[in-house]
Amino acid sequence: MAVKCVRLTTGEEIIADVTEHEGGMTLSVPANIFLQPNNKGQVTVSLIPLFPYAEKKEFVFPASSIVVSFHPSKELHNEYNRLFGSNLIIPTVDLDRKQLITG
């Protein structure tokens, strides 16, 4: 499984832990992605659970309903993890591996 963004034929954009399989995808703990302008002329992102009233948090979508899937930016991935996932944060800076090894 990997966290990915998916655009559906309905126009909805979803972020979820995705498992791809023949004929479609299974989306676990999916959230709708909403873009909202703020009073500073910038756009903010809101994540809202998809079907929050559902008993199970896994949904199977056929390939015919998926337009595109892609990996989210680190910032969006981190926000999804913070709200719905593991709380693990992906560093946004590259670490100097040589420095880490030598101390």
PDB file of N, CA and C in Angstrom:
ATOM      1  N   MET A   1       0.841  -1.181   0.000  1.00  0.00           N
ATOM      2  CA  MET A   1       0.000   0.000   0.000  1.00  0.00           C
ATOM      3  C   MET A   1       0.882   1.238   0.000  1.00  0.00           C
ATOM      4  N   ALA A   2       0.354   2.287  -0.618  1.00  0.00           N
ATOM      5  CA  ALA A   2       1.057   3.553  -0.680  1.00  0.00           C
ATOM      6  C   ALA A   2       0.029   4.674  -0.659  1.00  0.00           C
ATOM      7  N   VAL A   3       0.377   5.780  -0.036  1.00  0.00           N
ATOM      8  CA  VAL A   3      -0.520   6.923  -0.029  1.00  0.00           C
ATOM      9  C   VAL A   3      -0.450   7.576  -1.404  1.00  0.00           C
ATOM     10  N   LYS A   4      -1.635   7.717  -2.025  1.00  0.00           N
ATOM     11  CA  LYS A   4      -1.730   8.319  -3.345  1.00  0.00           C
ATOM     12  C   LYS A   4      -2.956   9.213  -3.415  1.00  0.00           C
ATOM     13  N   CYS A   5      -2.944  10.103  -4.393  1.00  0.00           N
ATOM     14  CA  CYS A   5      -4.115  10.895  -4.735  1.00  0.00           C
ATOM     15  C   CYS A   5      -4.768  10.245  -5.946  1.00  0.00           C
ATOM     16  N   VAL A   6      -6.084  10.271  -5.975  1.00  0.00           N
ATOM     17  CA  VAL A   6      -6.847   9.663  -7.060  1.00  0.00           C
ATOM     18  C   VAL A   6      -7.922  10.655  -7.490  1.00  0.00           C
ATOM     19  N   ARG A   7      -8.032  10.879  -8.798  1.00  0.00           N
ATOM     20  CA  ARG A   7      -9.143  11.679  -9.331  1.00  0.00           C
ATOM     21  C   ARG A   7     -10.127  10.715  -9.960  1.00  0.00           C
ATOM     22  N   LEU A   8     -11.385  10.848  -9.561  1.00  0.00           N
ATOM     23  CA  LEU A   8     -12.446   9.995 -10.081  1.00  0.00           C
ATOM     24  C   LEU A   8     -13.124  10.647 -11.278  1.00  0.00           C
ATOM     25  N   THR A   9     -13.847   9.868 -12.050  1.00  0.00           N
ATOM     26  CA  THR A   9     -14.575  10.399 -13.204  1.00  0.00           C
ATOM     27  C   THR A   9     -15.628  11.415 -12.775  1.00  0.00           C
ATOM     28  N   THR A  10     -16.042  11.389 -11.515  1.00  0.00           N
ATOM     29  CA  THR A  10     -17.016  12.345 -10.981  1.00  0.00           C
ATOM     30  C   THR A  10     -16.376  13.698 -10.672  1.00  0.00           C
ATOM     31  N   GLY A  11     -15.040  13.768 -10.751  1.00  0.00           N
ATOM     32  CA  GLY A  11     -14.328  15.010 -10.464  1.00  0.00           C
ATOM     33  C   GLY A  11     -13.771  15.081  -9.058  1.00  0.00           C
ATOM     34  N   GLU A  12     -14.156  14.156  -8.213  1.00  0.00           N
ATOM     35  CA  GLU A  12     -13.655  14.155  -6.842  1.00  0.00           C
ATOM     36  C   GLU A  12     -12.168  13.822  -6.821  1.00  0.00           C
ATOM     37  N   GLU A  13     -11.439  14.491  -5.933  1.00  0.00           N
ATOM     38  CA  GLU A  13     -10.041  14.158  -5.698  1.00  0.00           C
ATOM     39  C   GLU A  13      -9.951  13.580  -4.294  1.00  0.00           C
ATOM     40  N   ILE A  14      -9.293  12.426  -4.208  1.00  0.00           N
ATOM     41  CA  ILE A  14      -9.232  11.676  -2.950  1.00  0.00           C
ATOM     42  C   ILE A  14      -7.787  11.340  -2.650  1.00  0.00           C
ATOM     43  N   ILE A  15      -7.435  11.381  -1.377  1.00  0.00           N
ATOM     44  CA  ILE A  15      -6.142  10.881  -0.918  1.00  0.00           C
ATOM     45  C   ILE A  15      -6.435   9.695  -0.014  1.00  0.00           C
ATOM     46  N   ALA A  16      -5.644   8.629  -0.169  1.00  0.00           N
ATOM     47  CA  ALA A  16      -5.901   7.405   0.603  1.00  0.00           C
ATOM     48  C   ALA A  16      -4.683   6.506   0.558  1.00  0.00           C
ATOM     49  N   ASP A  17      -4.714   5.490   1.390  1.00  0.00           N
ATOM     50  CA  ASP A  17      -3.734   4.412   1.303  1.00  0.00           C
ATOM     51  C   ASP A  17      -4.265   3.477   0.214  1.00  0.00           C
ATOM     52  N   VAL A  18      -3.554   3.383  -0.894  1.00  0.00           N
ATOM     53  CA  VAL A  18      -4.067   2.725  -2.097  1.00  0.00           C
ATOM     54  C   VAL A  18      -3.391   1.386  -2.335  1.00  0.00           C
ATOM     55  N   THR A  19      -4.213   0.396  -2.654  1.00  0.00           N
ATOM     56  CA  THR A  19      -3.728  -0.895  -3.135  1.00  0.00           C
ATOM     57  C   THR A  19      -4.274  -1.062  -4.544  1.00  0.00           C
ATOM     58  N   GLU A  20      -3.370  -1.180  -5.508  1.00  0.00           N
ATOM     59  CA  GLU A  20      -3.792  -1.365  -6.893  1.00  0.00           C
ATOM     60  C   GLU A  20      -3.946  -2.859  -7.174  1.00  0.00           C
ATOM     61  N   HIS A  21      -4.970  -3.201  -7.913  1.00  0.00           N
ATOM     62  CA  HIS A  21      -5.195  -4.589  -8.310  1.00  0.00           C
ATOM     63  C   HIS A  21      -5.813  -4.596  -9.693  1.00  0.00           C
ATOM     64  N   GLU A  22      -5.825  -5.764 -10.294  1.00  0.00           N
ATOM     65  CA  GLU A  22      -6.386  -5.871 -11.636  1.00  0.00           C
ATOM     66  C   GLU A  22      -7.843  -5.446 -11.603  1.00  0.00           C
ATOM     67  N   GLY A  23      -8.173  -4.492 -12.413  1.00  0.00           N
ATOM     68  CA  GLY A  23      -9.548  -4.035 -12.485  1.00  0.00           C
ATOM     69  C   GLY A  23      -9.869  -2.829 -11.638  1.00  0.00           C
ATOM     70  N   GLY A  24      -8.910  -2.322 -10.849  1.00  0.00           N
ATOM     71  CA  GLY A  24      -9.211  -1.143 -10.048  1.00  0.00           C
ATOM     72  C   GLY A  24      -8.267  -0.918  -8.895  1.00  0.00           C
ATOM     73  N   MET A  25      -8.785  -0.246  -7.883  1.00  0.00           N
ATOM     74  CA  MET A  25      -8.002   0.105  -6.693  1.00  0.00           C
ATOM     75  C   MET A  25      -8.852  -0.035  -5.447  1.00  0.00           C
ATOM     76  N   THR A  26      -8.185  -0.388  -4.344  1.00  0.00           N
ATOM     77  CA  THR A  26      -8.824  -0.359  -3.040  1.00  0.00           C
ATOM     78  C   THR A  26      -8.264   0.837  -2.292  1.00  0.00           C
ATOM     79  N   LEU A  27      -9.145   1.717  -1.827  1.00  0.00           N
ATOM     80  CA  LEU A  27      -8.749   2.907  -1.087  1.00  0.00           C
ATOM     81  C   LEU A  27      -9.081   2.697   0.376  1.00  0.00           C
ATOM     82  N   SER A  28      -8.055   2.740   1.212  1.00  0.00           N
ATOM     83  CA  SER A  28      -8.234   2.589   2.660  1.00  0.00           C
ATOM     84  C   SER A  28      -8.123   3.953   3.335  1.00  0.00           C
ATOM     85  N   VAL A  29      -9.022   4.219   4.232  1.00  0.00           N
ATOM     86  CA  VAL A  29      -9.102   5.479   4.980  1.00  0.00           C
ATOM     87  C   VAL A  29      -9.011   6.676   4.013  1.00  0.00           C
ATOM     88  N   PRO A  30      -9.924   6.739   3.035  1.00  0.00           N
ATOM     89  CA  PRO A  30      -9.873   7.813   2.053  1.00  0.00           C
ATOM     90  C   PRO A  30     -10.423   9.134   2.588  1.00  0.00           C
ATOM     91  N   ALA A  31      -9.890  10.222   2.029  1.00  0.00           N
ATOM     92  CA  ALA A  31     -10.354  11.560   2.383  1.00  0.00           C
ATOM     93  C   ALA A  31     -10.496  12.386   1.107  1.00  0.00           C
ATOM     94  N   ASN A  32     -11.578  13.164   1.032  1.00  0.00           N
ATOM     95  CA  ASN A  32     -11.753  14.099  -0.069  1.00  0.00           C
ATOM     96  C   ASN A  32     -10.788  15.256   0.105  1.00  0.00           C
ATOM     97  N   ILE A  33     -10.228  15.726  -1.003  1.00  0.00           N
ATOM     98  CA  ILE A  33      -9.339  16.887  -1.002  1.00  0.00           C
ATOM     99  C   ILE A  33     -10.146  18.079  -1.501  1.00  0.00           C
ATOM    100  N   PHE A  34     -10.234  19.118  -0.676  1.00  0.00           N
ATOM    101  CA  PHE A  34     -10.940  20.332  -1.056  1.00  0.00           C
ATOM    102  C   PHE A  34      -9.972  21.506  -1.027  1.00  0.00           C
ATOM    103  N   LEU A  35     -10.006  22.327  -2.076  1.00  0.00           N
ATOM    104  CA  LEU A  35      -9.208  23.539  -2.135  1.00  0.00           C
ATOM    105  C   LEU A  35     -10.113  24.711  -1.800  1.00  0.00           C
ATOM    106  N   GLN A  36      -9.628  25.584  -0.894  1.00  0.00           N
ATOM    107  CA  GLN A  36     -10.428  26.720  -0.466  1.00  0.00           C
ATOM    108  C   GLN A  36      -9.571  27.977  -0.474  1.00  0.00           C
ATOM    109  N   PRO A  37     -10.056  29.052  -1.112  1.00  0.00           N
ATOM    110  CA  PRO A  37      -9.309  30.307  -1.045  1.00  0.00           C
ATOM    111  C   PRO A  37      -9.467  30.925   0.339  1.00  0.00           C
ATOM    112  N   ASN A  38      -8.394  31.553   0.824  1.00  0.00           N
ATOM    113  CA  ASN A  38      -8.503  32.260   2.104  1.00  0.00           C
ATOM    114  C   ASN A  38      -8.553  33.756   1.834  1.00  0.00           C
ATOM    115  N   ASN A  39      -8.644  34.553   2.891  1.00  0.00           N
ATOM    116  CA  ASN A  39      -8.788  36.006   2.729  1.00  0.00           C
ATOM    117  C   ASN A  39      -7.497  36.696   2.294  1.00  0.00           C
ATOM    118  N   LYS A  40      -6.403  35.961   2.175  1.00  0.00           N
ATOM    119  CA  LYS A  40      -5.128  36.516   1.724  1.00  0.00           C
ATOM    120  C   LYS A  40      -4.868  36.213   0.255  1.00  0.00           C
ATOM    121  N   GLY A  41      -5.851  35.659  -0.437  1.00  0.00           N
ATOM    122  CA  GLY A  41      -5.697  35.325  -1.841  1.00  0.00           C
ATOM    123  C   GLY A  41      -4.929  34.039  -2.088  1.00  0.00           C
ATOM    124  N   GLN A  42      -4.709  33.264  -1.039  1.00  0.00           N
ATOM    125  CA  GLN A  42      -4.012  31.990  -1.158  1.00  0.00           C
ATOM    126  C   GLN A  42      -5.034  30.859  -1.129  1.00  0.00           C
ATOM    127  N   VAL A  43      -4.584  29.677  -1.501  1.00  0.00           N
ATOM    128  CA  VAL A  43      -5.455  28.504  -1.489  1.00  0.00           C
ATOM    129  C   VAL A  43      -5.002  27.577  -0.365  1.00  0.00           C
ATOM    130  N   THR A  44      -5.943  27.121   0.438  1.00  0.00           N
ATOM    131  CA  THR A  44      -5.651  26.152   1.487  1.00  0.00           C
ATOM    132  C   THR A  44      -6.292  24.819   1.120  1.00  0.00           C
ATOM    133  N   VAL A  45      -5.765  23.758   1.692  1.00  0.00           N
ATOM    134  CA  VAL A  45      -6.261  22.415   1.424  1.00  0.00           C
ATOM    135  C   VAL A  45      -6.959  21.888   2.675  1.00  0.00           C
ATOM    136  N   SER A  46      -8.146  21.334   2.473  1.00  0.00           N
ATOM    137  CA  SER A  46      -8.878  20.682   3.560  1.00  0.00           C
ATOM    138  C   SER A  46      -9.076  19.217   3.194  1.00  0.00           C
ATOM    139  N   LEU A  47      -8.928  18.351   4.180  1.00  0.00           N
ATOM    140  CA  LEU A  47      -9.161  16.914   3.989  1.00  0.00           C
ATOM    141  C   LEU A  47     -10.360  16.512   4.829  1.00  0.00           C
ATOM    142  N   ILE A  48     -11.340  15.903   4.173  1.00  0.00           N
ATOM    143  CA  ILE A  48     -12.567  15.495   4.852  1.00  0.00           C
ATOM    144  C   ILE A  48     -12.779  14.012   4.568  1.00  0.00           C
ATOM    145  N   PRO A  49     -13.044  13.209   5.604  1.00  0.00           N
ATOM    146  CA  PRO A  49     -13.217  11.768   5.394  1.00  0.00           C
ATOM    147  C   PRO A  49     -14.282  11.466   4.333  1.00  0.00           C
ATOM    148  N   LEU A  50     -13.992  10.497   3.493  1.00  0.00           N
ATOM    149  CA  LEU A  50     -14.956  10.014   2.512  1.00  0.00           C
ATOM    150  C   LEU A  50     -15.855   9.008   3.224  1.00  0.00           C
ATOM    151  N   PHE A  51     -17.140   9.206   3.139  1.00  0.00           N
ATOM    152  CA  PHE A  51     -18.120   8.330   3.805  1.00  0.00           C
ATOM    153  C   PHE A  51     -17.795   8.134   5.295  1.00  0.00           C
ATOM    154  N   PRO A  52     -17.796   9.198   6.081  1.00  0.00           N
ATOM    155  CA  PRO A  52     -17.419   9.085   7.501  1.00  0.00           C
ATOM    156  C   PRO A  52     -18.359   8.202   8.310  1.00  0.00           C
ATOM    157  N   TYR A  53     -19.537   7.948   7.789  1.00  0.00           N
ATOM    158  CA  TYR A  53     -20.531   7.131   8.488  1.00  0.00           C
ATOM    159  C   TYR A  53     -20.439   5.643   8.142  1.00  0.00           C
ATOM    160  N   ALA A  54     -19.504   5.275   7.263  1.00  0.00           N
ATOM    161  CA  ALA A  54     -19.356   3.875   6.855  1.00  0.00           C
ATOM    162  C   ALA A  54     -18.720   3.048   7.968  1.00  0.00           C
ATOM    163  N   GLU A  55     -19.157   1.815   8.100  1.00  0.00           N
ATOM    164  CA  GLU A  55     -18.616   0.926   9.124  1.00  0.00           C
ATOM    165  C   GLU A  55     -17.161   0.578   8.835  1.00  0.00           C
ATOM    166  N   LYS A  56     -16.875   0.222   7.582  1.00  0.00           N
ATOM    167  CA  LYS A  56     -15.507  -0.100   7.186  1.00  0.00           C
ATOM    168  C   LYS A  56     -14.906   1.086   6.460  1.00  0.00           C
ATOM    169  N   LYS A  57     -13.599   1.197   6.503  1.00  0.00           N
ATOM    170  CA  LYS A  57     -12.906   2.334   5.888  1.00  0.00           C
ATOM    171  C   LYS A  57     -12.128   1.920   4.644  1.00  0.00           C
ATOM    172  N   GLU A  58     -12.588   0.867   3.965  1.00  0.00           N
ATOM    173  CA  GLU A  58     -11.981   0.404   2.717  1.00  0.00           C
ATOM    174  C   GLU A  58     -13.041   0.384   1.632  1.00  0.00           C
ATOM    175  N   PHE A  59     -12.681   0.952   0.469  1.00  0.00           N
ATOM    176  CA  PHE A  59     -13.628   1.038  -0.625  1.00  0.00           C
ATOM    177  C   PHE A  59     -12.931   0.606  -1.911  1.00  0.00           C
ATOM    178  N   VAL A  60     -13.596  -0.221  -2.703  1.00  0.00           N
ATOM    179  CA  VAL A  60     -13.045  -0.707  -3.963  1.00  0.00           C
ATOM    180  C   VAL A  60     -13.644   0.127  -5.095  1.00  0.00           C
ATOM    181  N   PHE A  61     -12.766   0.699  -5.920  1.00  0.00           N
ATOM    182  CA  PHE A  61     -13.188   1.485  -7.071  1.00  0.00           C
ATOM    183  C   PHE A  61     -12.737   0.765  -8.337  1.00  0.00           C
ATOM    184  N   PRO A  62     -13.647   0.578  -9.295  1.00  0.00           N
ATOM    185  CA  PRO A  62     -13.244  -0.056 -10.557  1.00  0.00           C
ATOM    186  C   PRO A  62     -12.375   0.903 -11.372  1.00  0.00           C
ATOM    187  N   ALA A  63     -11.536   0.356 -12.224  1.00  0.00           N
ATOM    188  CA  ALA A  63     -10.647   1.162 -13.061  1.00  0.00           C
ATOM    189  C   ALA A  63     -11.438   2.150 -13.917  1.00  0.00           C
ATOM    190  N   SER A  64     -12.641   1.799 -14.295  1.00  0.00           N
ATOM    191  CA  SER A  64     -13.463   2.674 -15.143  1.00  0.00           C
ATOM    192  C   SER A  64     -13.867   3.969 -14.445  1.00  0.00           C
ATOM    193  N   SER A  65     -13.774   4.029 -13.122  1.00  0.00           N
ATOM    194  CA  SER A  65     -14.144   5.250 -12.402  1.00  0.00           C
ATOM    195  C   SER A  65     -12.926   6.102 -12.017  1.00  0.00           C
ATOM    196  N   ILE A  66     -11.715   5.647 -12.390  1.00  0.00           N
ATOM    197  CA  ILE A  66     -10.483   6.353 -12.027  1.00  0.00           C
ATOM    198  C   ILE A  66      -9.895   7.026 -13.255  1.00  0.00           C
ATOM    199  N   VAL A  67      -9.668   8.345 -13.146  1.00  0.00           N
ATOM    200  CA  VAL A  67      -9.081   9.103 -14.251  1.00  0.00           C
ATOM    201  C   VAL A  67      -7.563   9.057 -14.156  1.00  0.00           C
ATOM    202  N   VAL A  68      -7.028   9.320 -12.961  1.00  0.00           N
ATOM    203  CA  VAL A  68      -5.578   9.358 -12.774  1.00  0.00           C
ATOM    204  C   VAL A  68      -5.260   9.136 -11.296  1.00  0.00           C
ATOM    205  N   SER A  69      -4.068   8.607 -11.035  1.00  0.00           N
ATOM    206  CA  SER A  69      -3.567   8.509  -9.658  1.00  0.00           C
ATOM    207  C   SER A  69      -2.129   8.982  -9.655  1.00  0.00           C
ATOM    208  N   PHE A  70      -1.707   9.558  -8.533  1.00  0.00           N
ATOM    209  CA  PHE A  70      -0.348  10.093  -8.427  1.00  0.00           C
ATOM    210  C   PHE A  70       0.051  10.195  -6.960  1.00  0.00           C
ATOM    211  N   HIS A  71       1.345  10.303  -6.717  1.00  0.00           N
ATOM    212  CA  HIS A  71       1.840  10.479  -5.358  1.00  0.00           C
ATOM    213  C   HIS A  71       1.678  11.941  -4.949  1.00  0.00           C
ATOM    214  N   PRO A  72       1.197  12.198  -3.742  1.00  0.00           N
ATOM    215  CA  PRO A  72       1.002  13.581  -3.303  1.00  0.00           C
ATOM    216  C   PRO A  72       2.325  14.250  -2.953  1.00  0.00           C
ATOM    217  N   SER A  73       2.283  15.560  -2.827  1.00  0.00           N
ATOM    218  CA  SER A  73       3.445  16.300  -2.335  1.00  0.00           C
ATOM    219  C   SER A  73       3.731  15.855  -0.901  1.00  0.00           C
ATOM    220  N   LYS A  74       4.941  16.104  -0.430  1.00  0.00           N
ATOM    221  CA  LYS A  74       5.293  15.721   0.944  1.00  0.00           C
ATOM    222  C   LYS A  74       4.393  16.420   1.956  1.00  0.00           C
ATOM    223  N   GLU A  75       4.059  17.682   1.686  1.00  0.00           N
ATOM    224  CA  GLU A  75       3.222  18.439   2.620  1.00  0.00           C
ATOM    225  C   GLU A  75       1.827  17.820   2.738  1.00  0.00           C
ATOM    226  N   LEU A  76       1.231  17.457   1.597  1.00  0.00           N
ATOM    227  CA  LEU A  76      -0.099  16.848   1.627  1.00  0.00           C
ATOM    228  C   LEU A  76      -0.045  15.460   2.255  1.00  0.00           C
ATOM    229  N   HIS A  77       0.994  14.698   1.934  1.00  0.00           N
ATOM    230  CA  HIS A  77       1.183  13.371   2.520  1.00  0.00           C
ATOM    231  C   HIS A  77       1.287  13.485   4.046  1.00  0.00           C
ATOM    232  N   ASN A  78       2.068  14.446   4.522  1.00  0.00           N
ATOM    233  CA  ASN A  78       2.231  14.650   5.964  1.00  0.00           C
ATOM    234  C   ASN A  78       0.909  15.031   6.632  1.00  0.00           C
ATOM    235  N   GLU A  79       0.134  15.903   5.975  1.00  0.00           N
ATOM    236  CA  GLU A  79      -1.149  16.313   6.543  1.00  0.00           C
ATOM    237  C   GLU A  79      -2.109  15.127   6.609  1.00  0.00           C
ATOM    238  N   TYR A  80      -2.126  14.294   5.569  1.00  0.00           N
ATOM    239  CA  TYR A  80      -2.960  13.090   5.577  1.00  0.00           C
ATOM    240  C   TYR A  80      -2.537  12.160   6.720  1.00  0.00           C
ATOM    241  N   ASN A  81      -1.228  11.929   6.863  1.00  0.00           N
ATOM    242  CA  ASN A  81      -0.741  11.070   7.951  1.00  0.00           C
ATOM    243  C   ASN A  81      -1.103  11.639   9.315  1.00  0.00           C
ATOM    244  N   ARG A  82      -1.007  12.950   9.452  1.00  0.00           N
ATOM    245  CA  ARG A  82      -1.318  13.594  10.741  1.00  0.00           C
ATOM    246  C   ARG A  82      -2.799  13.405  11.098  1.00  0.00           C
ATOM    247  N   LEU A  83      -3.674  13.569  10.113  1.00  0.00           N
ATOM    248  CA  LEU A  83      -5.113  13.507  10.387  1.00  0.00           C
ATOM    249  C   LEU A  83      -5.696  12.100  10.377  1.00  0.00           C
ATOM    250  N   PHE A  84      -5.206  11.236   9.478  1.00  0.00           N
ATOM    251  CA  PHE A  84      -5.869   9.949   9.264  1.00  0.00           C
ATOM    252  C   PHE A  84      -4.957   8.738   9.380  1.00  0.00           C
ATOM    253  N   GLY A  85      -3.667   8.960   9.411  1.00  0.00           N
ATOM    254  CA  GLY A  85      -2.772   7.826   9.278  1.00  0.00           C
ATOM    255  C   GLY A  85      -1.875   7.591  10.463  1.00  0.00           C
ATOM    256  N   SER A  86      -0.625   7.325  10.145  1.00  0.00           N
ATOM    257  CA  SER A  86       0.354   6.847  11.116  1.00  0.00           C
ATOM    258  C   SER A  86       0.972   7.938  11.971  1.00  0.00           C
ATOM    259  N   ASN A  87       0.732   9.194  11.634  1.00  0.00           N
ATOM    260  CA  ASN A  87       1.384  10.340  12.288  1.00  0.00           C
ATOM    261  C   ASN A  87       2.861  10.433  11.951  1.00  0.00           C
ATOM    262  N   LEU A  88       3.354   9.615  11.015  1.00  0.00           N
ATOM    263  CA  LEU A  88       4.736   9.716  10.579  1.00  0.00           C
ATOM    264  C   LEU A  88       4.864  10.881   9.618  1.00  0.00           C
ATOM    265  N   ILE A  89       5.895  11.679   9.813  1.00  0.00           N
ATOM    266  CA  ILE A  89       6.118  12.856   8.991  1.00  0.00           C
ATOM    267  C   ILE A  89       7.325  12.613   8.090  1.00  0.00           C
ATOM    268  N   ILE A  90       7.174  12.921   6.805  1.00  0.00           N
ATOM    269  CA  ILE A  90       8.260  12.794   5.843  1.00  0.00           C
ATOM    270  C   ILE A  90       9.068  14.086   5.888  1.00  0.00           C
ATOM    271  N   PRO A  91      10.389  14.014   6.098  1.00  0.00           N
ATOM    272  CA  PRO A  91      11.181  15.241   6.128  1.00  0.00           C
ATOM    273  C   PRO A  91      11.085  15.992   4.806  1.00  0.00           C
ATOM    274  N   THR A  92      11.018  17.317   4.881  1.00  0.00           N
ATOM    275  CA  THR A  92      10.932  18.124   3.674  1.00  0.00           C
ATOM    276  C   THR A  92      12.298  18.643   3.250  1.00  0.00           C
ATOM    277  N   VAL A  93      13.334  18.307   3.998  1.00  0.00           N
ATOM    278  CA  VAL A  93      14.697  18.693   3.620  1.00  0.00           C
ATOM    279  C   VAL A  93      15.496  17.422   3.381  1.00  0.00           C
ATOM    280  N   ASP A  94      16.462  17.507   2.478  1.00  0.00           N
ATOM    281  CA  ASP A  94      17.329  16.367   2.231  1.00  0.00           C
ATOM    282  C   ASP A  94      18.380  16.296   3.331  1.00  0.00           C
ATOM    283  N   LEU A  95      18.544  15.136   3.897  1.00  0.00           N
ATOM    284  CA  LEU A  95      19.538  14.942   4.945  1.00  0.00           C
ATOM    285  C   LEU A  95      20.869  14.551   4.332  1.00  0.00           C
ATOM    286  N   ASP A  96      21.943  15.025   4.910  1.00  0.00           N
ATOM    287  CA  ASP A  96      23.279  14.683   4.444  1.00  0.00           C
ATOM    288  C   ASP A  96      23.619  13.318   5.023  1.00  0.00           C
ATOM    289  N   ARG A  97      23.526  12.283   4.193  1.00  0.00           N
ATOM    290  CA  ARG A  97      23.758  10.908   4.675  1.00  0.00           C
ATOM    291  C   ARG A  97      25.174  10.724   5.180  1.00  0.00           C
ATOM    292  N   LYS A  98      26.120  11.375   4.552  1.00  0.00           N
ATOM    293  CA  LYS A  98      27.517  11.269   4.990  1.00  0.00           C
ATOM    294  C   LYS A  98      27.649  11.787   6.418  1.00  0.00           C
ATOM    295  N   GLN A  99      26.983  12.897   6.693  1.00  0.00           N
ATOM    296  CA  GLN A  99      27.009  13.485   8.036  1.00  0.00           C
ATOM    297  C   GLN A  99      26.357  12.525   9.047  1.00  0.00           C
ATOM    298  N   LEU A 100      25.253  11.880   8.654  1.00  0.00           N
ATOM    299  CA  LEU A 100      24.570  10.958   9.552  1.00  0.00           C
ATOM    300  C   LEU A 100      25.441   9.744   9.903  1.00  0.00           C
ATOM    301  N   ILE A 101      26.192   9.260   8.924  1.00  0.00           N
ATOM    302  CA  ILE A 101      27.018   8.086   9.137  1.00  0.00           C
ATOM    303  C   ILE A 101      28.224   8.400  10.019  1.00  0.00           C
ATOM    304  N   THR A 102      28.849   9.539   9.776  1.00  0.00           N
ATOM    305  CA  THR A 102      30.061   9.878  10.516  1.00  0.00           C
ATOM    306  C   THR A 102      29.776  10.600  11.828  1.00  0.00           C
ATOM    307  N   GLY A 103      28.564  11.100  11.986  1.00  0.00           N
ATOM    308  CA  GLY A 103      28.206  11.791  13.211  1.00  0.00           C
ATOM    309  C   GLY A 103      28.454  13.225  13.069  1.00  0.00           C
TER     310      GLY A 103
END
